[in-house]
N, C-alpha and C. Protein backbone atom coordinates (compact mmCIF):
# COMPACT_ATOMS: atom_id res chain seq x y z
N UNK A 1 7.19 -79.41 39.61
CA UNK A 1 7.75 -79.54 38.28
C UNK A 1 9.24 -79.18 38.36
N UNK A 2 10.05 -80.04 37.77
CA UNK A 2 11.49 -79.80 37.80
C UNK A 2 11.88 -78.77 36.74
N UNK A 3 13.08 -78.22 36.90
CA UNK A 3 13.59 -77.27 35.91
C UNK A 3 13.74 -77.93 34.54
N UNK A 4 14.08 -79.21 34.55
CA UNK A 4 14.22 -79.95 33.30
C UNK A 4 12.88 -80.05 32.59
N UNK A 5 11.82 -80.38 33.34
CA UNK A 5 10.48 -80.43 32.74
C UNK A 5 10.05 -79.06 32.24
N UNK A 6 10.34 -78.03 33.02
CA UNK A 6 9.99 -76.66 32.62
C UNK A 6 10.68 -76.29 31.30
N UNK A 7 11.95 -76.62 31.19
CA UNK A 7 12.69 -76.37 29.96
C UNK A 7 12.05 -77.12 28.79
N UNK A 8 11.65 -78.35 29.03
CA UNK A 8 10.99 -79.15 28.00
C UNK A 8 9.68 -78.52 27.55
N UNK A 9 8.89 -78.04 28.51
CA UNK A 9 7.62 -77.41 28.16
C UNK A 9 7.84 -76.11 27.37
N UNK A 10 8.80 -75.29 27.79
CA UNK A 10 9.07 -74.03 27.09
C UNK A 10 9.53 -74.32 25.66
N UNK A 11 10.46 -75.25 25.50
CA UNK A 11 10.93 -75.62 24.16
C UNK A 11 9.78 -76.16 23.32
N UNK A 12 8.96 -76.99 23.91
CA UNK A 12 7.82 -77.56 23.19
C UNK A 12 6.79 -76.52 22.80
N UNK A 13 6.52 -75.60 23.70
CA UNK A 13 5.55 -74.54 23.41
C UNK A 13 6.05 -73.68 22.25
N UNK A 14 7.31 -73.28 22.30
CA UNK A 14 7.87 -72.45 21.22
C UNK A 14 7.85 -73.19 19.89
N UNK A 15 8.22 -74.46 19.90
CA UNK A 15 8.20 -75.25 18.66
C UNK A 15 6.80 -75.41 18.12
N UNK A 16 5.85 -75.66 19.01
CA UNK A 16 4.46 -75.86 18.60
C UNK A 16 3.84 -74.57 18.10
N UNK A 17 4.06 -73.49 18.83
CA UNK A 17 3.49 -72.19 18.45
C UNK A 17 4.04 -71.74 17.09
N UNK A 18 5.25 -72.14 16.76
CA UNK A 18 5.83 -71.75 15.48
C UNK A 18 5.06 -72.32 14.29
N UNK A 19 4.28 -73.36 14.50
CA UNK A 19 3.48 -73.97 13.43
C UNK A 19 2.15 -73.25 13.20
N UNK A 20 1.70 -72.49 14.16
CA UNK A 20 0.37 -71.88 14.08
C UNK A 20 0.23 -70.92 12.90
N UNK A 21 1.17 -70.00 12.67
CA UNK A 21 0.99 -69.07 11.54
C UNK A 21 0.83 -69.78 10.19
N UNK A 22 1.65 -70.81 9.94
CA UNK A 22 1.54 -71.52 8.66
C UNK A 22 0.22 -72.28 8.56
N UNK A 23 -0.20 -72.87 9.66
CA UNK A 23 -1.47 -73.59 9.66
C UNK A 23 -2.62 -72.65 9.35
N UNK A 24 -2.65 -71.50 10.00
CA UNK A 24 -3.72 -70.52 9.78
C UNK A 24 -3.67 -69.98 8.34
N UNK A 25 -2.47 -69.63 7.87
CA UNK A 25 -2.35 -69.09 6.51
C UNK A 25 -2.82 -70.10 5.47
N UNK A 26 -2.40 -71.35 5.61
CA UNK A 26 -2.80 -72.39 4.66
C UNK A 26 -4.31 -72.61 4.69
N UNK A 27 -4.88 -72.57 5.86
CA UNK A 27 -6.32 -72.78 6.02
C UNK A 27 -7.11 -71.62 5.41
N UNK A 28 -6.67 -70.39 5.68
CA UNK A 28 -7.38 -69.21 5.17
C UNK A 28 -7.28 -69.07 3.66
N UNK A 29 -6.09 -69.28 3.13
CA UNK A 29 -5.87 -69.04 1.70
C UNK A 29 -6.16 -70.27 0.84
N UNK A 30 -6.25 -71.43 1.47
CA UNK A 30 -6.43 -72.69 0.73
C UNK A 30 -5.32 -72.87 -0.31
N UNK A 31 -4.15 -72.35 0.03
CA UNK A 31 -3.01 -72.40 -0.88
C UNK A 31 -1.80 -72.96 -0.14
N UNK A 32 -1.23 -74.02 -0.70
CA UNK A 32 -0.03 -74.62 -0.10
C UNK A 32 1.02 -74.91 -1.17
N UNK A 33 0.90 -74.26 -2.31
CA UNK A 33 1.79 -74.53 -3.43
C UNK A 33 3.26 -74.34 -3.13
N UNK A 34 3.59 -73.40 -2.27
CA UNK A 34 5.00 -73.12 -1.97
C UNK A 34 5.57 -74.01 -0.87
N UNK A 35 4.75 -74.87 -0.29
CA UNK A 35 5.21 -75.73 0.79
C UNK A 35 5.70 -77.07 0.24
N UNK A 36 6.73 -77.59 0.86
CA UNK A 36 7.28 -78.88 0.44
C UNK A 36 6.49 -80.02 1.08
N UNK A 37 5.93 -80.88 0.23
CA UNK A 37 5.20 -82.05 0.72
C UNK A 37 6.13 -82.96 1.53
N UNK A 38 7.33 -83.20 1.01
CA UNK A 38 8.27 -84.09 1.69
C UNK A 38 8.67 -83.52 3.06
N UNK A 39 8.86 -82.24 3.15
CA UNK A 39 9.24 -81.62 4.43
C UNK A 39 8.17 -81.85 5.48
N UNK A 40 6.91 -81.61 5.12
CA UNK A 40 5.83 -81.77 6.09
C UNK A 40 5.54 -83.23 6.38
N UNK A 41 5.76 -84.12 5.41
CA UNK A 41 5.59 -85.55 5.66
C UNK A 41 6.65 -86.04 6.65
N UNK A 42 7.90 -85.65 6.42
CA UNK A 42 8.97 -86.07 7.33
C UNK A 42 8.83 -85.42 8.70
N UNK A 43 8.46 -84.15 8.73
CA UNK A 43 8.27 -83.44 9.99
C UNK A 43 7.15 -84.08 10.81
N UNK A 44 6.05 -84.40 10.14
CA UNK A 44 4.92 -85.04 10.82
C UNK A 44 5.32 -86.39 11.40
N UNK A 45 6.00 -87.20 10.59
CA UNK A 45 6.44 -88.51 11.06
C UNK A 45 7.41 -88.36 12.23
N UNK A 46 8.33 -87.42 12.13
CA UNK A 46 9.27 -87.18 13.23
C UNK A 46 8.56 -86.81 14.52
N UNK A 47 7.56 -85.94 14.44
CA UNK A 47 6.82 -85.54 15.64
C UNK A 47 6.00 -86.70 16.20
N UNK A 48 5.44 -87.51 15.33
CA UNK A 48 4.70 -88.69 15.81
C UNK A 48 5.65 -89.62 16.56
N UNK A 49 6.84 -89.84 16.00
CA UNK A 49 7.82 -90.70 16.67
C UNK A 49 8.28 -90.09 17.99
N UNK A 50 8.46 -88.78 18.05
CA UNK A 50 8.80 -88.11 19.31
C UNK A 50 7.68 -88.31 20.34
N UNK A 51 6.43 -88.25 19.88
CA UNK A 51 5.30 -88.46 20.78
C UNK A 51 5.33 -89.86 21.37
N UNK A 52 5.55 -90.85 20.52
CA UNK A 52 5.63 -92.24 20.99
C UNK A 52 6.82 -92.40 21.94
N UNK A 53 7.96 -91.85 21.57
CA UNK A 53 9.15 -91.92 22.42
C UNK A 53 8.88 -91.29 23.79
N UNK A 54 8.29 -90.11 23.79
CA UNK A 54 7.98 -89.44 25.05
C UNK A 54 7.06 -90.27 25.92
N UNK A 55 6.08 -90.92 25.29
CA UNK A 55 5.16 -91.78 26.03
C UNK A 55 5.91 -92.98 26.62
N UNK A 56 6.77 -93.59 25.82
CA UNK A 56 7.50 -94.78 26.28
C UNK A 56 8.43 -94.49 27.44
N UNK A 57 9.04 -93.30 27.43
CA UNK A 57 9.94 -92.96 28.55
C UNK A 57 9.22 -92.16 29.63
N UNK A 58 7.92 -91.99 29.46
CA UNK A 58 7.06 -91.26 30.40
C UNK A 58 7.54 -89.83 30.64
N UNK A 59 7.91 -89.18 29.55
CA UNK A 59 8.28 -87.76 29.61
C UNK A 59 7.11 -86.96 29.07
N UNK A 60 6.33 -86.41 29.97
CA UNK A 60 5.12 -85.71 29.56
C UNK A 60 5.38 -84.44 28.76
N UNK A 61 6.45 -83.69 29.03
CA UNK A 61 6.72 -82.53 28.17
C UNK A 61 6.92 -82.95 26.70
N UNK A 62 7.69 -84.01 26.48
CA UNK A 62 7.91 -84.49 25.11
C UNK A 62 6.62 -85.01 24.52
N UNK A 63 5.89 -85.82 25.28
CA UNK A 63 4.66 -86.44 24.78
C UNK A 63 3.62 -85.39 24.41
N UNK A 64 3.36 -84.47 25.31
CA UNK A 64 2.30 -83.47 25.10
C UNK A 64 2.67 -82.52 23.97
N UNK A 65 3.85 -81.95 24.03
CA UNK A 65 4.23 -80.95 23.03
C UNK A 65 4.40 -81.58 21.64
N UNK A 66 4.96 -82.76 21.57
CA UNK A 66 5.09 -83.43 20.27
C UNK A 66 3.73 -83.84 19.73
N UNK A 67 2.84 -84.23 20.62
CA UNK A 67 1.49 -84.59 20.19
C UNK A 67 0.74 -83.41 19.61
N UNK A 68 0.82 -82.27 20.28
CA UNK A 68 0.16 -81.06 19.78
C UNK A 68 0.83 -80.60 18.48
N UNK A 69 2.15 -80.63 18.45
CA UNK A 69 2.88 -80.27 17.23
C UNK A 69 2.52 -81.18 16.07
N UNK A 70 2.34 -82.47 16.36
CA UNK A 70 1.92 -83.43 15.33
C UNK A 70 0.59 -83.03 14.72
N UNK A 71 -0.33 -82.59 15.56
CA UNK A 71 -1.65 -82.19 15.07
C UNK A 71 -1.53 -81.03 14.09
N UNK A 72 -0.72 -80.03 14.42
CA UNK A 72 -0.53 -78.90 13.51
C UNK A 72 0.17 -79.34 12.22
N UNK A 73 1.24 -80.12 12.36
CA UNK A 73 1.98 -80.57 11.18
C UNK A 73 1.12 -81.44 10.27
N UNK A 74 0.35 -82.33 10.87
CA UNK A 74 -0.53 -83.19 10.07
C UNK A 74 -1.64 -82.39 9.39
N UNK A 75 -2.11 -81.34 10.05
CA UNK A 75 -3.14 -80.52 9.41
C UNK A 75 -2.58 -79.78 8.20
N UNK A 76 -1.36 -79.27 8.30
CA UNK A 76 -0.74 -78.62 7.14
C UNK A 76 -0.47 -79.65 6.05
N UNK A 77 -0.02 -80.84 6.44
CA UNK A 77 0.22 -81.90 5.46
C UNK A 77 -1.08 -82.27 4.74
N UNK A 78 -2.16 -82.40 5.48
CA UNK A 78 -3.46 -82.72 4.87
C UNK A 78 -3.89 -81.62 3.91
N UNK A 79 -3.69 -80.36 4.31
CA UNK A 79 -4.04 -79.25 3.42
C UNK A 79 -3.16 -79.26 2.17
N UNK A 80 -1.89 -79.60 2.35
CA UNK A 80 -0.97 -79.67 1.20
C UNK A 80 -1.47 -80.70 0.20
N UNK A 81 -1.92 -81.83 0.69
CA UNK A 81 -2.43 -82.89 -0.19
C UNK A 81 -3.76 -82.46 -0.82
N UNK A 82 -4.64 -81.88 -0.02
CA UNK A 82 -5.97 -81.50 -0.50
C UNK A 82 -5.93 -80.34 -1.50
N UNK A 83 -5.13 -79.33 -1.22
CA UNK A 83 -5.12 -78.11 -2.05
C UNK A 83 -4.04 -78.12 -3.12
N UNK A 84 -3.51 -79.28 -3.42
CA UNK A 84 -2.43 -79.41 -4.40
C UNK A 84 -2.67 -78.64 -5.60
């Protein structure tokens, strides 16, 4: 693994892990009133596009971390819509 890939994985892990507290809090409390629907919609779309981009250029750090981040962002987005 190159240093560049390692940097990509570390950045991706930190970005992805940062979504976990909000995902857990929203799931436990069933409350998302203070969250912006537009922010999570745009964030989710951005991560999906990063995932596709990473796949197209065959950059596995981008693909994997953006894919996992997309799952967390989409779950918060779904909860935002459900618990409106």
